[in-house]
């Protein structure tokens, strides 16, 4: 029982910090998104494509969460946006306190703050980090059973990007089944079928994100 109480206190403190982050970003007119997925689903590639598509119209900053390396942060930094790295030293997710400290270092002279969470379909869903939207990426090679296997992650999703659809027909992946299960687990989530590698349907995602940023101003 003591363990449960401690967890509740941790989550309560996390949620209070997340709300402070939202208020701070809102006061500066900054829209924020939290990218989550399993490792290898294509988070960083989609982040790169998104920045390339939007950076002429919007000022963008980036916070990267990673266990120990800065490889993804270096890829994004090469695009010319301000980047702050959070190394969690083994922790499987970002939490609001980590992001709050990173926000003190990253440029807030921006319209869009992109946060890339640690690759994991479990832990990141539990911790609100103060973002305006949670974007979950599911890739075709992972299989079509992940929505029901990891319902908490998809339940917190505002947007789901089904990535690597260029592999449909090659791999055994029932996309209609995934869409049906998403309607059950996360009925309000916007769903986009994309291929970051081929560029398929990315424009639909870009236009949707642009509309969110503009409406947030």
Foldseek 3Di string as FASTA:
>chain_A
DVVVVVVVVVQVVLVVLLQVLLVVLLVLLAAEEEEEAAPPLCRLLLVQVLCVVCVVPWQEEEEEEEQDDCVSVVVNVVVVHWYDYDHPVPDQWDTQVSVVVRVVPTDSPILYYYYYIHRDLEPHLSHNNNHPFYEYEAEVVVELPVCVVRLSSLLRHQEYEHEPCVCVVVDPHDVVSSVVSSCVSHVNHHYHYYYSVVGRRSVVVSVVVVVVSVVSD
